[in-house]
Amino acid sequence: MRRAEGSAPYPKNNMTSAEKAALRARAQTLKPSVHIGKDGITPPIIKEFDTALRKAELVKVRFAEGREVLRKQCEELAAAAQAECAGGVGRVAAFYRKKVS
């Protein structure tokens, strides 16, 4: 069954599919370092996410909410930290932001 266009649970970004695939492969071995609870995206969560991205370019995030809220939260989190969503499975998504040297 094909998914209707625009209904992907994770936000689109400017990375190529090969780049996203490579990041998803790297993310498989990571444990989620940020957990988004039922309260959603809060300022402390954004700060924790930003800190995690500063330490490692690739961060895995686990969401408590279901798929209907997941896409919005992914977009909000990516925009707040100027990161890109590389994709994910279920309630877990991988985010990437290039380290600033």
PDB file of N, CA and C in Angstrom:
ATOM      1  N   MET A   1       0.847  -1.177   0.000  1.00  0.00           N
ATOM      2  CA  MET A   1       0.000   0.000   0.000  1.00  0.00           C
ATOM      3  C   MET A   1       0.887   1.231   0.000  1.00  0.00           C
ATOM      4  N   ARG A   2       0.624   2.149  -0.888  1.00  0.00           N
ATOM      5  CA  ARG A   2       1.415   3.369  -0.975  1.00  0.00           C
ATOM      6  C   ARG A   2       0.829   4.431  -0.071  1.00  0.00           C
ATOM      7  N   ARG A   3       1.699   5.200   0.501  1.00  0.00           N
ATOM      8  CA  ARG A   3       1.289   6.295   1.375  1.00  0.00           C
ATOM      9  C   ARG A   3       0.932   7.501   0.507  1.00  0.00           C
ATOM     10  N   ALA A   4      -0.135   8.187   0.850  1.00  0.00           N
ATOM     11  CA  ALA A   4      -0.534   9.376   0.104  1.00  0.00           C
ATOM     12  C   ALA A   4       0.543  10.438   0.227  1.00  0.00           C
ATOM     13  N   GLU A   5       0.739  11.194  -0.835  1.00  0.00           N
ATOM     14  CA  GLU A   5       1.775  12.218  -0.828  1.00  0.00           C
ATOM     15  C   GLU A   5       1.481  13.245   0.268  1.00  0.00           C
ATOM     16  N   GLY A   6       2.516  13.637   0.991  1.00  0.00           N
ATOM     17  CA  GLY A   6       2.359  14.613   2.063  1.00  0.00           C
ATOM     18  C   GLY A   6       1.922  13.995   3.378  1.00  0.00           C
ATOM     19  N   SER A   7       1.778  12.677   3.436  1.00  0.00           N
ATOM     20  CA  SER A   7       1.314  12.067   4.671  1.00  0.00           C
ATOM     21  C   SER A   7       2.427  11.345   5.425  1.00  0.00           C
ATOM     22  N   ALA A   8       3.672  11.544   5.014  1.00  0.00           N
ATOM     23  CA  ALA A   8       4.791  10.899   5.711  1.00  0.00           C
ATOM     24  C   ALA A   8       4.829  11.396   7.150  1.00  0.00           C
ATOM     25  N   PRO A   9       5.079  10.499   8.109  1.00  0.00           N
ATOM     26  CA  PRO A   9       5.056  10.908   9.504  1.00  0.00           C
ATOM     27  C   PRO A   9       6.234  11.784   9.902  1.00  0.00           C
ATOM     28  N   TYR A  10       7.303  11.804   9.105  1.00  0.00           N
ATOM     29  CA  TYR A  10       8.483  12.590   9.441  1.00  0.00           C
ATOM     30  C   TYR A  10       8.632  13.727   8.439  1.00  0.00           C
ATOM     31  N   PRO A  11       9.046  14.913   8.892  1.00  0.00           N
ATOM     32  CA  PRO A  11       9.134  16.056   7.992  1.00  0.00           C
ATOM     33  C   PRO A  11      10.194  15.864   6.916  1.00  0.00           C
ATOM     34  N   LYS A  12       9.947  16.483   5.767  1.00  0.00           N
ATOM     35  CA  LYS A  12      10.901  16.418   4.669  1.00  0.00           C
ATOM     36  C   LYS A  12      12.020  17.422   4.920  1.00  0.00           C
ATOM     37  N   ASN A  13      13.154  17.208   4.270  1.00  0.00           N
ATOM     38  CA  ASN A  13      14.288  18.093   4.461  1.00  0.00           C
ATOM     39  C   ASN A  13      15.063  18.202   3.162  1.00  0.00           C
ATOM     40  N   ASN A  14      16.212  18.854   3.216  1.00  0.00           N
ATOM     41  CA  ASN A  14      16.995  19.110   2.020  1.00  0.00           C
ATOM     42  C   ASN A  14      18.079  18.070   1.768  1.00  0.00           C
ATOM     43  N   MET A  15      18.172  17.054   2.567  1.00  0.00           N
ATOM     44  CA  MET A  15      19.181  16.022   2.374  1.00  0.00           C
ATOM     45  C   MET A  15      18.761  15.094   1.239  1.00  0.00           C
ATOM     46  N   THR A  16      19.755  14.525   0.561  1.00  0.00           N
ATOM     47  CA  THR A  16      19.448  13.556  -0.485  1.00  0.00           C
ATOM     48  C   THR A  16      19.034  12.244   0.178  1.00  0.00           C
ATOM     49  N   SER A  17      18.416  11.382  -0.592  1.00  0.00           N
ATOM     50  CA  SER A  17      17.986  10.103  -0.024  1.00  0.00           C
ATOM     51  C   SER A  17      19.189   9.257   0.381  1.00  0.00           C
ATOM     52  N   ALA A  18      20.287   9.375  -0.344  1.00  0.00           N
ATOM     53  CA  ALA A  18      21.496   8.621   0.020  1.00  0.00           C
ATOM     54  C   ALA A  18      22.065   9.112   1.350  1.00  0.00           C
ATOM     55  N   GLU A  19      22.056  10.426   1.562  1.00  0.00           N
ATOM     56  CA  GLU A  19      22.541  10.990   2.831  1.00  0.00           C
ATOM     57  C   GLU A  19      21.648  10.551   3.988  1.00  0.00           C
ATOM     58  N   LYS A  20      20.329  10.603   3.776  1.00  0.00           N
ATOM     59  CA  LYS A  20      19.402  10.176   4.828  1.00  0.00           C
ATOM     60  C   LYS A  20      19.572   8.693   5.145  1.00  0.00           C
ATOM     61  N   ALA A  21      19.764   7.884   4.111  1.00  0.00           N
ATOM     62  CA  ALA A  21      19.946   6.450   4.323  1.00  0.00           C
ATOM     63  C   ALA A  21      21.208   6.179   5.132  1.00  0.00           C
ATOM     64  N   ALA A  22      22.276   6.905   4.831  1.00  0.00           N
ATOM     65  CA  ALA A  22      23.527   6.735   5.581  1.00  0.00           C
ATOM     66  C   ALA A  22      23.347   7.150   7.038  1.00  0.00           C
ATOM     67  N   LEU A  23      22.623   8.233   7.277  1.00  0.00           N
ATOM     68  CA  LEU A  23      22.377   8.687   8.649  1.00  0.00           C
ATOM     69  C   LEU A  23      21.484   7.709   9.400  1.00  0.00           C
ATOM     70  N   ARG A  24      20.466   7.188   8.733  1.00  0.00           N
ATOM     71  CA  ARG A  24      19.590   6.198   9.380  1.00  0.00           C
ATOM     72  C   ARG A  24      20.375   4.945   9.739  1.00  0.00           C
ATOM     73  N   ALA A  25      21.293   4.545   8.873  1.00  0.00           N
ATOM     74  CA  ALA A  25      22.127   3.368   9.158  1.00  0.00           C
ATOM     75  C   ALA A  25      22.999   3.616  10.383  1.00  0.00           C
ATOM     76  N   ARG A  26      23.579   4.804  10.470  1.00  0.00           N
ATOM     77  CA  ARG A  26      24.397   5.154  11.645  1.00  0.00           C
ATOM     78  C   ARG A  26      23.533   5.213  12.904  1.00  0.00           C
ATOM     79  N   ALA A  27      22.309   5.693  12.761  1.00  0.00           N
ATOM     80  CA  ALA A  27      21.425   5.884  13.919  1.00  0.00           C
ATOM     81  C   ALA A  27      20.909   4.570  14.488  1.00  0.00           C
ATOM     82  N   GLN A  28      20.959   3.488  13.710  1.00  0.00           N
ATOM     83  CA  GLN A  28      20.426   2.207  14.193  1.00  0.00           C
ATOM     84  C   GLN A  28      21.131   1.732  15.460  1.00  0.00           C
ATOM     85  N   THR A  29      22.380   2.051  15.598  1.00  0.00           N
ATOM     86  CA  THR A  29      23.137   1.586  16.767  1.00  0.00           C
ATOM     87  C   THR A  29      23.010   2.527  17.960  1.00  0.00           C
ATOM     88  N   LEU A  30      22.410   3.695  17.753  1.00  0.00           N
ATOM     89  CA  LEU A  30      22.269   4.669  18.838  1.00  0.00           C
ATOM     90  C   LEU A  30      21.055   4.356  19.703  1.00  0.00           C
ATOM     91  N   LYS A  31      21.148   4.738  20.953  1.00  0.00           N
ATOM     92  CA  LYS A  31      19.990   4.692  21.846  1.00  0.00           C
ATOM     93  C   LYS A  31      19.388   6.096  21.869  1.00  0.00           C
ATOM     94  N   PRO A  32      18.070   6.221  22.020  1.00  0.00           N
ATOM     95  CA  PRO A  32      17.475   7.557  22.089  1.00  0.00           C
ATOM     96  C   PRO A  32      18.073   8.348  23.246  1.00  0.00           C
ATOM     97  N   SER A  33      18.562   9.537  22.944  1.00  0.00           N
ATOM     98  CA  SER A  33      19.167  10.362  23.985  1.00  0.00           C
ATOM     99  C   SER A  33      18.212  11.432  24.493  1.00  0.00           C
ATOM    100  N   VAL A  34      17.110  11.645  23.788  1.00  0.00           N
ATOM    101  CA  VAL A  34      16.097  12.610  24.209  1.00  0.00           C
ATOM    102  C   VAL A  34      14.749  11.903  24.148  1.00  0.00           C
ATOM    103  N   HIS A  35      13.948  12.099  25.190  1.00  0.00           N
ATOM    104  CA  HIS A  35      12.620  11.495  25.249  1.00  0.00           C
ATOM    105  C   HIS A  35      11.579  12.606  25.356  1.00  0.00           C
ATOM    106  N   ILE A  36      10.628  12.599  24.426  1.00  0.00           N
ATOM    107  CA  ILE A  36       9.551  13.583  24.416  1.00  0.00           C
ATOM    108  C   ILE A  36       8.343  12.935  25.070  1.00  0.00           C
ATOM    109  N   GLY A  37       7.908  13.496  26.193  1.00  0.00           N
ATOM    110  CA  GLY A  37       6.787  12.935  26.936  1.00  0.00           C
ATOM    111  C   GLY A  37       5.446  13.438  26.460  1.00  0.00           C
ATOM    112  N   LYS A  38       4.432  13.168  27.239  1.00  0.00           N
ATOM    113  CA  LYS A  38       3.056  13.563  26.898  1.00  0.00           C
ATOM    114  C   LYS A  38       2.876  15.081  26.874  1.00  0.00           C
ATOM    115  N   ASP A  39       3.776  15.822  27.564  1.00  0.00           N
ATOM    116  CA  ASP A  39       3.698  17.284  27.557  1.00  0.00           C
ATOM    117  C   ASP A  39       4.172  17.873  26.236  1.00  0.00           C
ATOM    118  N   GLY A  40       4.798  17.085  25.405  1.00  0.00           N
ATOM    119  CA  GLY A  40       5.241  17.551  24.092  1.00  0.00           C
ATOM    120  C   GLY A  40       6.568  18.296  24.160  1.00  0.00           C
ATOM    121  N   ILE A  41       6.747  19.185  23.198  1.00  0.00           N
ATOM    122  CA  ILE A  41       7.992  19.946  23.075  1.00  0.00           C
ATOM    123  C   ILE A  41       7.928  21.131  24.028  1.00  0.00           C
ATOM    124  N   THR A  42       8.792  21.140  25.027  1.00  0.00           N
ATOM    125  CA  THR A  42       8.863  22.226  26.002  1.00  0.00           C
ATOM    126  C   THR A  42      10.247  22.876  25.916  1.00  0.00           C
ATOM    127  N   PRO A  43      10.423  24.081  26.441  1.00  0.00           N
ATOM    128  CA  PRO A  43      11.746  24.721  26.402  1.00  0.00           C
ATOM    129  C   PRO A  43      12.865  23.867  26.994  1.00  0.00           C
ATOM    130  N   PRO A  44      12.665  23.170  28.127  1.00  0.00           N
ATOM    131  CA  PRO A  44      13.751  22.308  28.615  1.00  0.00           C
ATOM    132  C   PRO A  44      14.096  21.162  27.650  1.00  0.00           C
ATOM    133  N   ILE A  45      13.101  20.635  26.946  1.00  0.00           N
ATOM    134  CA  ILE A  45      13.339  19.576  25.971  1.00  0.00           C
ATOM    135  C   ILE A  45      14.172  20.123  24.812  1.00  0.00           C
ATOM    136  N   ILE A  46      13.825  21.308  24.347  1.00  0.00           N
ATOM    137  CA  ILE A  46      14.568  21.926  23.244  1.00  0.00           C
ATOM    138  C   ILE A  46      16.017  22.160  23.663  1.00  0.00           C
ATOM    139  N   LYS A  47      16.218  22.619  24.898  1.00  0.00           N
ATOM    140  CA  LYS A  47      17.574  22.857  25.402  1.00  0.00           C
ATOM    141  C   LYS A  47      18.355  21.541  25.464  1.00  0.00           C
ATOM    142  N   GLU A  48      17.724  20.482  25.966  1.00  0.00           N
ATOM    143  CA  GLU A  48      18.360  19.167  26.049  1.00  0.00           C
ATOM    144  C   GLU A  48      18.702  18.636  24.657  1.00  0.00           C
ATOM    145  N   PHE A  49      17.780  18.821  23.720  1.00  0.00           N
ATOM    146  CA  PHE A  49      17.984  18.381  22.337  1.00  0.00           C
ATOM    147  C   PHE A  49      19.141  19.144  21.693  1.00  0.00           C
ATOM    148  N   ASP A  50      19.177  20.444  21.911  1.00  0.00           N
ATOM    149  CA  ASP A  50      20.246  21.276  21.364  1.00  0.00           C
ATOM    150  C   ASP A  50      21.607  20.863  21.936  1.00  0.00           C
ATOM    151  N   THR A  51      21.649  20.587  23.228  1.00  0.00           N
ATOM    152  CA  THR A  51      22.884  20.133  23.874  1.00  0.00           C
ATOM    153  C   THR A  51      23.332  18.800  23.290  1.00  0.00           C
ATOM    154  N   ALA A  52      22.397  17.893  23.082  1.00  0.00           N
ATOM    155  CA  ALA A  52      22.717  16.585  22.511  1.00  0.00           C
ATOM    156  C   ALA A  52      23.270  16.734  21.096  1.00  0.00           C
ATOM    157  N   LEU A  53      22.706  17.660  20.315  1.00  0.00           N
ATOM    158  CA  LEU A  53      23.186  17.885  18.954  1.00  0.00           C
ATOM    159  C   LEU A  53      24.573  18.525  18.945  1.00  0.00           C
ATOM    160  N   ARG A  54      24.881  19.333  19.957  1.00  0.00           N
ATOM    161  CA  ARG A  54      26.220  19.925  20.042  1.00  0.00           C
ATOM    162  C   ARG A  54      27.268  18.867  20.343  1.00  0.00           C
ATOM    163  N   LYS A  55      26.893  17.868  21.139  1.00  0.00           N
ATOM    164  CA  LYS A  55      27.823  16.791  21.493  1.00  0.00           C
ATOM    165  C   LYS A  55      27.998  15.802  20.344  1.00  0.00           C
ATOM    166  N   ALA A  56      26.916  15.486  19.662  1.00  0.00           N
ATOM    167  CA  ALA A  56      26.941  14.517  18.556  1.00  0.00           C
ATOM    168  C   ALA A  56      26.044  15.051  17.448  1.00  0.00           C
ATOM    169  N   GLU A  57      26.514  14.978  16.234  1.00  0.00           N
ATOM    170  CA  GLU A  57      25.733  15.507  15.107  1.00  0.00           C
ATOM    171  C   GLU A  57      24.425  14.746  14.893  1.00  0.00           C
ATOM    172  N   LEU A  58      24.404  13.496  15.271  1.00  0.00           N
ATOM    173  CA  LEU A  58      23.247  12.637  15.035  1.00  0.00           C
ATOM    174  C   LEU A  58      22.638  12.235  16.374  1.00  0.00           C
ATOM    175  N   VAL A  59      21.354  12.526  16.549  1.00  0.00           N
ATOM    176  CA  VAL A  59      20.668  12.273  17.819  1.00  0.00           C
ATOM    177  C   VAL A  59      19.369  11.534  17.541  1.00  0.00           C
ATOM    178  N   LYS A  60      19.116  10.537  18.354  1.00  0.00           N
ATOM    179  CA  LYS A  60      17.879   9.775  18.255  1.00  0.00           C
ATOM    180  C   LYS A  60      16.921  10.259  19.335  1.00  0.00           C
ATOM    181  N   VAL A  61      15.647  10.432  18.957  1.00  0.00           N
ATOM    182  CA  VAL A  61      14.625  10.950  19.870  1.00  0.00           C
ATOM    183  C   VAL A  61      13.462   9.973  19.912  1.00  0.00           C
ATOM    184  N   ARG A  62      12.969   9.680  21.118  1.00  0.00           N
ATOM    185  CA  ARG A  62      11.792   8.821  21.295  1.00  0.00           C
ATOM    186  C   ARG A  62      10.607   9.708  21.692  1.00  0.00           C
ATOM    187  N   PHE A  63       9.482   9.487  21.035  1.00  0.00           N
ATOM    188  CA  PHE A  63       8.263  10.256  21.280  1.00  0.00           C
ATOM    189  C   PHE A  63       7.238   9.393  22.004  1.00  0.00           C
ATOM    190  N   ALA A  64       6.513   9.984  22.949  1.00  0.00           N
ATOM    191  CA  ALA A  64       5.485   9.259  23.695  1.00  0.00           C
ATOM    192  C   ALA A  64       4.149   9.274  22.947  1.00  0.00           C
ATOM    193  N   GLU A  65       3.904  10.316  22.205  1.00  0.00           N
ATOM    194  CA  GLU A  65       2.624  10.461  21.509  1.00  0.00           C
ATOM    195  C   GLU A  65       2.557   9.548  20.296  1.00  0.00           C
ATOM    196  N   GLY A  66       1.348   9.332  19.818  1.00  0.00           N
ATOM    197  CA  GLY A  66       1.130   8.470  18.665  1.00  0.00           C
ATOM    198  C   GLY A  66       1.461   9.156  17.351  1.00  0.00           C
ATOM    199  N   ARG A  67       1.254   8.443  16.268  1.00  0.00           N
ATOM    200  CA  ARG A  67       1.634   8.905  14.935  1.00  0.00           C
ATOM    201  C   ARG A  67       0.916  10.180  14.506  1.00  0.00           C
ATOM    202  N   GLU A  68      -0.286  10.403  15.005  1.00  0.00           N
ATOM    203  CA  GLU A  68      -1.044  11.588  14.584  1.00  0.00           C
ATOM    204  C   GLU A  68      -0.377  12.890  15.049  1.00  0.00           C
ATOM    205  N   VAL A  69       0.363  12.848  16.125  1.00  0.00           N
ATOM    206  CA  VAL A  69       1.029  14.033  16.672  1.00  0.00           C
ATOM    207  C   VAL A  69       2.513  14.035  16.321  1.00  0.00           C
ATOM    208  N   LEU A  70       3.032  12.888  15.959  1.00  0.00           N
ATOM    209  CA  LEU A  70       4.470  12.707  15.737  1.00  0.00           C
ATOM    210  C   LEU A  70       5.038  13.647  14.678  1.00  0.00           C
ATOM    211  N   ARG A  71       4.383  13.759  13.551  1.00  0.00           N
ATOM    212  CA  ARG A  71       4.896  14.600  12.456  1.00  0.00           C
ATOM    213  C   ARG A  71       5.029  16.049  12.900  1.00  0.00           C
ATOM    214  N   LYS A  72       4.003  16.563  13.561  1.00  0.00           N
ATOM    215  CA  LYS A  72       4.036  17.950  14.020  1.00  0.00           C
ATOM    216  C   LYS A  72       5.175  18.159  15.011  1.00  0.00           C
ATOM    217  N   GLN A  73       5.345  17.221  15.939  1.00  0.00           N
ATOM    218  CA  GLN A  73       6.412  17.345  16.936  1.00  0.00           C
ATOM    219  C   GLN A  73       7.788  17.255  16.287  1.00  0.00           C
ATOM    220  N   CYS A  74       7.947  16.407  15.280  1.00  0.00           N
ATOM    221  CA  CYS A  74       9.224  16.317  14.559  1.00  0.00           C
ATOM    222  C   CYS A  74       9.554  17.642  13.885  1.00  0.00           C
ATOM    223  N   GLU A  75       8.580  18.220  13.209  1.00  0.00           N
ATOM    224  CA  GLU A  75       8.785  19.500  12.537  1.00  0.00           C
ATOM    225  C   GLU A  75       9.132  20.589  13.538  1.00  0.00           C
ATOM    226  N   GLU A  76       8.405  20.629  14.645  1.00  0.00           N
ATOM    227  CA  GLU A  76       8.630  21.649  15.670  1.00  0.00           C
ATOM    228  C   GLU A  76      10.022  21.511  16.294  1.00  0.00           C
ATOM    229  N   LEU A  77      10.417  20.304  16.599  1.00  0.00           N
ATOM    230  CA  LEU A  77      11.721  20.057  17.214  1.00  0.00           C
ATOM    231  C   LEU A  77      12.856  20.393  16.243  1.00  0.00           C
ATOM    232  N   ALA A  78      12.713  19.986  14.995  1.00  0.00           N
ATOM    233  CA  ALA A  78      13.739  20.275  13.986  1.00  0.00           C
ATOM    234  C   ALA A  78      13.882  21.778  13.772  1.00  0.00           C
ATOM    235  N   ALA A  79      12.766  22.485  13.698  1.00  0.00           N
ATOM    236  CA  ALA A  79      12.808  23.933  13.491  1.00  0.00           C
ATOM    237  C   ALA A  79      13.417  24.654  14.691  1.00  0.00           C
ATOM    238  N   ALA A  80      13.079  24.205  15.890  1.00  0.00           N
ATOM    239  CA  ALA A  80      13.576  24.868  17.101  1.00  0.00           C
ATOM    240  C   ALA A  80      15.087  24.746  17.240  1.00  0.00           C
ATOM    241  N   ALA A  81      15.656  23.644  16.775  1.00  0.00           N
ATOM    242  CA  ALA A  81      17.098  23.403  16.931  1.00  0.00           C
ATOM    243  C   ALA A  81      17.855  23.539  15.611  1.00  0.00           C
ATOM    244  N   GLN A  82      17.169  23.952  14.566  1.00  0.00           N
ATOM    245  CA  GLN A  82      17.763  24.082  13.235  1.00  0.00           C
ATOM    246  C   GLN A  82      18.447  22.782  12.811  1.00  0.00           C
ATOM    247  N   ALA A  83      17.731  21.681  13.004  1.00  0.00           N
ATOM    248  CA  ALA A  83      18.224  20.352  12.651  1.00  0.00           C
ATOM    249  C   ALA A  83      17.353  19.795  11.536  1.00  0.00           C
ATOM    250  N   GLU A  84      17.758  18.659  10.989  1.00  0.00           N
ATOM    251  CA  GLU A  84      16.979  17.998   9.957  1.00  0.00           C
ATOM    252  C   GLU A  84      16.642  16.587  10.403  1.00  0.00           C
ATOM    253  N   CYS A  85      15.428  16.189  10.120  1.00  0.00           N
ATOM    254  CA  CYS A  85      15.006  14.833  10.461  1.00  0.00           C
ATOM    255  C   CYS A  85      15.478  13.888   9.366  1.00  0.00           C
ATOM    256  N   ALA A  86      16.259  12.886   9.754  1.00  0.00           N
ATOM    257  CA  ALA A  86      16.771  11.907   8.791  1.00  0.00           C
ATOM    258  C   ALA A  86      15.779  10.774   8.585  1.00  0.00           C
ATOM    259  N   GLY A  87      14.740  10.718   9.404  1.00  0.00           N
ATOM    260  CA  GLY A  87      13.736   9.670   9.293  1.00  0.00           C
ATOM    261  C   GLY A  87      13.659   8.886  10.582  1.00  0.00           C
ATOM    262  N   GLY A  88      12.817   7.891  10.575  1.00  0.00           N
ATOM    263  CA  GLY A  88      12.668   7.095  11.775  1.00  0.00           C
ATOM    264  C   GLY A  88      11.712   5.949  11.579  1.00  0.00           C
ATOM    265  N   VAL A  89      11.536   5.210  12.641  1.00  0.00           N
ATOM    266  CA  VAL A  89      10.642   4.060  12.638  1.00  0.00           C
ATOM    267  C   VAL A  89       9.795   4.121  13.900  1.00  0.00           C
ATOM    268  N   GLY A  90       8.501   3.931  13.739  1.00  0.00           N
ATOM    269  CA  GLY A  90       7.612   3.950  14.896  1.00  0.00           C
ATOM    270  C   GLY A  90       7.625   5.291  15.590  1.00  0.00           C
ATOM    271  N   ARG A  91       7.919   5.269  16.873  1.00  0.00           N
ATOM    272  CA  ARG A  91       7.935   6.504  17.666  1.00  0.00           C
ATOM    273  C   ARG A  91       9.344   7.029  17.906  1.00  0.00           C
ATOM    274  N   VAL A  92      10.290   6.594  17.098  1.00  0.00           N
ATOM    275  CA  VAL A  92      11.680   7.026  17.243  1.00  0.00           C
ATOM    276  C   VAL A  92      12.126   7.683  15.938  1.00  0.00           C
ATOM    277  N   ALA A  93      12.768   8.850  16.044  1.00  0.00           N
ATOM    278  CA  ALA A  93      13.270   9.556  14.863  1.00  0.00           C
ATOM    279  C   ALA A  93      14.711   9.974  15.096  1.00  0.00           C
ATOM    280  N   ALA A  94      15.464  10.062  14.009  1.00  0.00           N
ATOM    281  CA  ALA A  94      16.857  10.500  14.072  1.00  0.00           C
ATOM    282  C   ALA A  94      16.954  11.902  13.493  1.00  0.00           C
ATOM    283  N   PHE A  95      17.680  12.767  14.170  1.00  0.00           N
ATOM    284  CA  PHE A  95      17.858  14.146  13.746  1.00  0.00           C
ATOM    285  C   PHE A  95      19.339  14.413  13.540  1.00  0.00           C
ATOM    286  N   TYR A  96      19.636  15.257  12.552  1.00  0.00           N
ATOM    287  CA  TYR A  96      21.026  15.573  12.224  1.00  0.00           C
ATOM    288  C   TYR A  96      21.205  17.082  12.148  1.00  0.00           C
ATOM    289  N   ARG A  97      22.317  17.546  12.699  1.00  0.00           N
ATOM    290  CA  ARG A  97      22.732  18.940  12.545  1.00  0.00           C
ATOM    291  C   ARG A  97      24.240  18.938  12.498  1.00  0.00           C
ATOM    292  N   LYS A  98      24.796  19.497  11.459  1.00  0.00           N
ATOM    293  CA  LYS A  98      26.244  19.543  11.300  1.00  0.00           C
ATOM    294  C   LYS A  98      26.846  20.384  12.411  1.00  0.00           C
ATOM    295  N   LYS A  99      27.932  19.853  12.985  1.00  0.00           N
ATOM    296  CA  LYS A  99      28.625  20.568  14.050  1.00  0.00           C
ATOM    297  C   LYS A  99      29.268  21.833  13.511  1.00  0.00           C
ATOM    298  N   VAL A 100      29.179  22.888  14.285  1.00  0.00           N
ATOM    299  CA  VAL A 100      29.831  24.136  13.930  1.00  0.00           C
ATOM    300  C   VAL A 100      31.216  24.113  14.542  1.00  0.00           C
ATOM    301  N   SER A 101      32.247  24.300  13.706  1.00  0.00           N
ATOM    302  CA  SER A 101      33.609  24.239  14.246  1.00  0.00           C
ATOM    303  C   SER A 101      34.119  25.590  14.672  1.00  0.00           C
TER     304      SER A 101
END
